[in-house]
């Protein structure tokens, strides 16, 4: 059901891009945006991992440099029946983690120095298992493509807005259709794209929590980690270089406590309370006594 929902949302996102292009540039604009969406998918497929890792200064490490972390990832990757991903560390005290890569054979898991400091080994294992689940179900590619398309739709809206200001500033159009098209391009399409992107992100987080609980063997480890991350992320400075375009990639919102916050349907992640409750229910179903 989650896969079907994601496929439908991705189709809607692509349709929005084409419609926004059509509203702004007519048939040629629609065709241009269709081609552009294919280009975005191509670039995201081949370069998403290197772009995101470079953006956050993530450094790949070897077993000799961080044996406990490396061995933990290796053990959980084996339990998940995945190839060993690259292991990266981000020098940032904000506790967080993410996974990236176009497929399980070309994936990377990145954690901050902050998350390694505040979580114990079992809790960190729960977080790693969550990220490996994203890799296993190719959420890393889906999230990157969704974010890229939504970003382009937003850019089209900005371009259309400035075009109206400078290109049509002294004229009043009698064409109601043209006016409605401008409203769609500038306001409706970017807002709808953002909501669709966030819906994709939230649905994949629930699925990764559940699968991560299975991979690590105890959903309560991940639940405990999420509670700690929620506590510390709300009291520490936000993650350096974090922005709305990539916030959905992380296990918890890296923009928390930054003044850039969204509630309810505008959130990049489900509420931690709901995620923890779901994990505790999963533990009960597995016969694990809740703490």
Protein backbone atom coordinates (compact mmCIF):
# COMPACT_ATOMS: atom_id res chain seq x y z
CA UNK A 1 0.00 0.00 0.00
CA UNK A 2 2.86 2.39 0.83
CA UNK A 3 4.53 1.60 -2.50
CA UNK A 4 1.28 2.22 -4.39
CA UNK A 5 0.72 5.47 -2.51
CA UNK A 6 4.27 6.62 -3.29
CA UNK A 7 3.90 5.77 -6.99
CA UNK A 8 0.64 7.74 -7.22
CA UNK A 9 2.16 10.73 -5.42
CA UNK A 10 5.24 10.69 -7.67
CA UNK A 11 2.98 10.62 -10.74
CA UNK A 12 1.02 13.58 -9.36
CA UNK A 13 4.25 15.46 -8.72
CA UNK A 14 5.42 14.93 -12.30
CA UNK A 15 1.98 15.95 -13.62
CA UNK A 16 2.17 19.14 -11.55
CA UNK A 17 5.54 19.96 -13.09
CA UNK A 18 4.14 19.53 -16.61
CA UNK A 19 1.01 21.54 -15.78
CA UNK A 20 3.05 24.35 -14.23
CA UNK A 21 5.20 24.47 -17.34
CA UNK A 22 2.06 24.52 -19.50
CA UNK A 23 0.46 27.33 -17.51
CA UNK A 24 3.61 29.42 -17.79
CA UNK A 25 4.77 28.55 -21.33
CA UNK A 26 1.87 26.86 -23.10
CA UNK A 27 2.30 23.55 -24.92
CA UNK A 28 5.99 24.16 -25.47
CA UNK A 29 6.41 24.86 -21.76
CA UNK A 30 4.64 21.61 -20.86
CA UNK A 31 6.85 19.59 -23.19
CA UNK A 32 9.93 21.37 -21.88
CA UNK A 33 9.03 20.52 -18.28
CA UNK A 34 8.28 16.91 -19.22
CA UNK A 35 11.76 16.65 -20.69
CA UNK A 36 13.19 18.46 -17.69
CA UNK A 37 11.54 15.99 -15.31
CA UNK A 38 13.24 13.15 -17.17
CA UNK A 39 16.56 15.01 -16.88
CA UNK A 40 16.02 15.47 -13.13
CA UNK A 41 15.35 11.75 -12.75
CA UNK A 42 18.52 10.94 -14.70
CA UNK A 43 20.74 13.28 -12.66
CA UNK A 44 19.18 12.14 -9.37
CA UNK A 45 19.72 8.51 -10.30
CA UNK A 46 23.42 8.87 -11.04
CA UNK A 47 24.56 11.70 -8.78
CA UNK A 48 22.20 11.99 -5.79
CA UNK A 49 24.56 10.31 -3.33
CA UNK A 50 27.66 12.36 -4.14
CA UNK A 51 25.68 15.62 -4.20
CA UNK A 52 24.06 15.11 -0.79
CA UNK A 53 27.20 13.76 0.91
CA UNK A 54 29.25 16.67 -0.40
CA UNK A 55 26.59 19.16 0.68
CA UNK A 56 26.94 18.08 4.32
CA UNK A 57 30.68 17.47 4.33
CA UNK A 58 30.23 13.73 5.00
CA UNK A 59 33.56 11.88 5.06
CA UNK A 60 33.72 8.19 4.21
CA UNK A 61 35.49 6.16 6.87
CA UNK A 62 37.17 2.77 6.99
CA UNK A 63 36.95 0.14 9.71
CA UNK A 64 40.34 1.27 11.03
CA UNK A 65 38.99 4.78 11.63
CA UNK A 66 35.76 3.84 13.46
CA UNK A 67 35.57 0.11 14.03
CA UNK A 68 32.47 0.06 16.27
CA UNK A 69 30.36 2.07 13.85
CA UNK A 70 31.68 0.20 10.81
CA UNK A 71 31.06 -3.22 12.37
CA UNK A 72 27.58 -2.19 13.48
CA UNK A 73 26.64 -1.17 9.94
CA UNK A 74 28.18 -4.36 8.54
CA UNK A 75 26.24 -6.58 10.96
CA UNK A 76 22.91 -4.88 10.29
CA UNK A 77 23.48 -4.82 6.53
CA UNK A 78 24.02 -8.57 6.65
CA UNK A 79 20.82 -9.02 8.68
CA UNK A 80 18.96 -6.89 6.11
CA UNK A 81 20.51 -8.95 3.28
CA UNK A 82 22.06 -5.84 1.77
CA UNK A 83 25.50 -5.15 0.30
CA UNK A 84 27.78 -3.24 2.66
CA UNK A 85 27.10 0.48 2.12
CA UNK A 86 29.70 3.18 2.45
CA UNK A 87 29.89 4.53 6.00
CA UNK A 88 30.28 8.27 6.45
CA UNK A 89 30.59 10.64 9.40
CA UNK A 90 29.50 14.28 9.47
CA UNK A 91 31.35 16.49 11.93
CA UNK A 92 28.30 18.15 13.47
CA UNK A 93 27.09 18.07 17.08
CA UNK A 94 23.44 18.04 16.03
CA UNK A 95 22.29 14.39 16.39
CA UNK A 96 21.04 13.03 13.07
CA UNK A 97 21.56 10.46 10.31
CA UNK A 98 20.52 9.79 6.73
CA UNK A 99 21.02 7.34 3.88
CA UNK A 100 21.53 8.10 0.22
CA UNK A 101 22.28 6.35 -3.06
CA UNK A 102 20.45 5.21 -6.17
CA UNK A 103 20.26 1.53 -5.18
CA UNK A 104 21.58 -0.90 -2.54
CA UNK A 105 24.76 -1.47 -4.54
CA UNK A 106 25.61 2.25 -4.56
CA UNK A 107 24.45 3.41 -1.13
CA UNK A 108 25.89 5.26 1.83
CA UNK A 109 24.86 5.72 5.45
CA UNK A 110 25.92 8.95 7.14
CA UNK A 111 25.75 9.78 10.84
CA UNK A 112 26.75 12.90 12.73
CA UNK A 113 29.29 12.96 15.53
CA UNK A 114 26.44 14.24 17.70
CA UNK A 115 24.27 11.16 17.27
CA UNK A 116 27.20 8.88 18.06
CA UNK A 117 27.73 10.78 21.29
CA UNK A 118 24.19 10.66 22.70
CA UNK A 119 22.99 7.18 21.67
CA UNK A 120 24.11 3.86 23.08
CA UNK A 121 25.05 1.01 20.74
CA UNK A 122 21.58 -0.56 20.66
CA UNK A 123 19.88 2.76 19.95
CA UNK A 124 22.39 3.63 17.24
CA UNK A 125 21.73 0.18 15.78
CA UNK A 126 18.04 1.03 15.59
CA UNK A 127 18.84 4.24 13.69
CA UNK A 128 21.20 2.44 11.30
CA UNK A 129 18.55 -0.24 10.70
CA UNK A 130 16.04 2.51 9.85
CA UNK A 131 18.45 3.99 7.29
CA UNK A 132 19.22 0.56 5.82
CA UNK A 133 15.48 0.08 5.36
CA UNK A 134 15.40 3.26 3.26
CA UNK A 135 18.19 1.79 1.13
CA UNK A 136 16.51 -1.60 0.82
CA UNK A 137 13.24 -0.08 -0.42
CA UNK A 138 14.99 2.56 -2.58
CA UNK A 139 13.43 5.41 -0.61
CA UNK A 140 16.71 7.29 -0.96
CA UNK A 141 16.23 7.68 -4.71
CA UNK A 142 12.50 8.39 -4.45
CA UNK A 143 13.04 11.13 -1.87
CA UNK A 144 15.78 12.80 -3.90
CA UNK A 145 13.74 12.81 -7.11
CA UNK A 146 10.64 14.09 -5.29
CA UNK A 147 12.63 16.89 -3.68
CA UNK A 148 14.23 17.86 -6.99
CA UNK A 149 10.91 18.00 -8.88
CA UNK A 150 9.24 19.98 -6.09
CA UNK A 151 12.17 22.39 -6.13
CA UNK A 152 11.83 22.96 -9.88
CA UNK A 153 8.09 23.60 -9.55
CA UNK A 154 8.81 26.18 -6.86
CA UNK A 155 11.42 27.81 -9.12
CA UNK A 156 8.92 28.01 -11.99
CA UNK A 157 6.54 29.79 -9.63
CA UNK A 158 9.21 32.34 -8.71
CA UNK A 159 10.13 32.91 -12.36
CA UNK A 160 6.46 33.37 -13.29
CA UNK A 161 6.01 35.84 -10.45
CA UNK A 162 8.94 38.00 -11.55
CA UNK A 163 7.85 37.71 -15.19
CA UNK A 164 4.46 39.14 -14.27
CA UNK A 165 6.02 41.97 -12.28
CA UNK A 166 8.48 43.06 -14.95
CA UNK A 167 6.84 41.83 -18.13
CA UNK A 168 3.20 42.66 -17.45
CA UNK A 169 3.55 45.38 -14.85
CA UNK A 170 1.69 48.08 -16.72
CA UNK A 171 -0.88 45.94 -18.49
CA UNK A 172 -4.10 44.41 -17.36
CA UNK A 173 -5.10 41.17 -19.01
CA UNK A 174 -8.74 40.53 -19.88
CA UNK A 175 -8.06 36.85 -20.28
CA UNK A 176 -9.44 35.13 -17.15
CA UNK A 177 -7.79 31.88 -18.20
CA UNK A 178 -4.41 33.56 -18.30
CA UNK A 179 -4.96 34.99 -14.83
CA UNK A 180 -6.00 31.62 -13.43
CA UNK A 181 -2.98 30.01 -15.06
CA UNK A 182 -0.69 32.53 -13.39
CA UNK A 183 -2.29 31.87 -10.00
CA UNK A 184 -1.85 28.13 -10.53
CA UNK A 185 1.82 28.50 -11.50
CA UNK A 186 2.77 30.97 -8.78
CA UNK A 187 0.72 29.73 -5.80
CA UNK A 188 -1.19 26.48 -6.28
CA UNK A 189 1.43 24.31 -8.01
CA UNK A 190 4.34 25.05 -5.60
CA UNK A 191 2.11 24.53 -2.55
CA UNK A 192 0.66 21.28 -3.93
CA UNK A 193 4.15 20.05 -4.86
CA UNK A 194 5.43 20.74 -1.34
CA UNK A 195 2.49 18.88 0.22
CA UNK A 196 2.98 15.88 -2.09
CA UNK A 197 6.70 15.77 -1.34
CA UNK A 198 6.01 15.87 2.40
CA UNK A 199 3.35 13.15 2.10
CA UNK A 200 5.87 10.91 0.34
CA UNK A 201 8.43 11.58 3.06
CA UNK A 202 6.06 10.86 5.95
CA UNK A 203 4.72 7.62 4.46
CA UNK A 204 8.24 6.31 3.84
CA UNK A 205 9.33 7.18 7.40
CA UNK A 206 6.63 4.98 8.94
CA UNK A 207 7.59 2.12 6.61
CA UNK A 208 11.30 2.52 7.40
CA UNK A 209 10.59 2.54 11.16
CA UNK A 210 8.70 -0.74 10.89
CA UNK A 211 11.28 -2.41 8.67
CA UNK A 212 14.11 -0.99 10.79
CA UNK A 213 12.56 -2.54 13.89
CA UNK A 214 12.59 -5.90 12.14
CA UNK A 215 16.19 -5.53 10.95
CA UNK A 216 17.63 -4.62 14.35
CA UNK A 217 15.44 -7.20 16.10
CA UNK A 218 13.96 -4.86 18.70
CA UNK A 219 11.75 -1.91 17.69
CA UNK A 220 12.19 -0.47 21.19
CA UNK A 221 15.83 0.35 20.42
CA UNK A 222 14.69 2.62 17.60
CA UNK A 223 11.85 4.02 19.72
CA UNK A 224 14.31 4.95 22.48
CA UNK A 225 16.64 6.53 19.92
CA UNK A 226 13.83 8.63 18.46
CA UNK A 227 12.84 9.90 21.90
CA UNK A 228 16.43 10.97 22.62
CA UNK A 229 16.76 12.60 19.20
CA UNK A 230 13.52 14.49 19.73
CA UNK A 231 14.76 15.75 23.11
CA UNK A 232 18.23 16.83 22.00
CA UNK A 233 17.33 18.22 18.57
CA UNK A 234 14.91 20.61 20.24
CA UNK A 235 17.60 21.94 22.58
CA UNK A 236 20.66 22.14 20.34
CA UNK A 237 21.52 24.39 17.43
CA UNK A 238 20.14 23.16 14.09
CA UNK A 239 22.36 21.15 11.81
CA UNK A 240 24.78 23.25 9.77
CA UNK A 241 23.93 23.62 6.06
CA UNK A 242 20.54 21.94 6.53
CA UNK A 243 17.76 23.28 4.32
CA UNK A 244 14.13 22.50 3.49
CA UNK A 245 15.13 20.81 0.20
CA UNK A 246 16.98 17.98 2.00
CA UNK A 247 15.35 17.94 5.45
CA UNK A 248 13.21 14.95 4.48
CA UNK A 249 16.31 12.75 4.05
CA UNK A 250 17.18 12.72 7.76
CA UNK A 251 15.78 10.45 10.46
CA UNK A 252 14.56 13.53 12.38
CA UNK A 253 13.97 17.03 11.09
CA UNK A 254 17.37 18.82 11.04
CA UNK A 255 15.64 22.22 10.96
CA UNK A 256 14.06 21.82 14.37
CA UNK A 257 14.87 24.71 16.70
CA UNK A 258 15.96 26.81 13.69
CA UNK A 259 12.87 28.95 13.35
CA UNK A 260 11.92 26.99 10.20
CA UNK A 261 9.27 24.63 11.49
CA UNK A 262 6.14 23.13 10.05
CA UNK A 263 3.25 21.46 11.78
CA UNK A 264 0.77 18.79 10.78
CA UNK A 265 0.56 18.31 7.01
CA UNK A 266 3.50 20.70 6.46
CA UNK A 267 5.95 18.55 8.44
CA UNK A 268 8.74 16.59 6.76
CA UNK A 269 8.38 13.82 9.36
CA UNK A 270 5.53 12.20 11.28
CA UNK A 271 5.38 13.21 14.93
CA UNK A 272 7.92 11.41 17.10
CA UNK A 273 5.11 10.50 19.51
CA UNK A 274 3.22 8.68 16.75
CA UNK A 275 6.35 6.94 15.49
CA UNK A 276 7.28 5.75 18.99
CA UNK A 277 3.73 4.51 19.62
CA UNK A 278 3.81 2.51 16.37
CA UNK A 279 7.18 0.98 17.28
CA UNK A 280 5.96 0.00 20.75
CA UNK A 281 2.92 -1.66 19.21
CA UNK A 282 5.22 -3.51 16.82
CA UNK A 283 7.32 -4.69 19.78
CA UNK A 284 4.20 -6.01 21.53
CA UNK A 285 3.24 -7.91 18.38
CA UNK A 286 6.73 -9.43 18.32
CA UNK A 287 6.33 -10.51 21.95
CA UNK A 288 8.85 -7.98 23.28
CA UNK A 289 7.94 -6.45 26.62
CA UNK A 290 7.77 -2.65 26.43
CA UNK A 291 10.02 -0.67 28.76
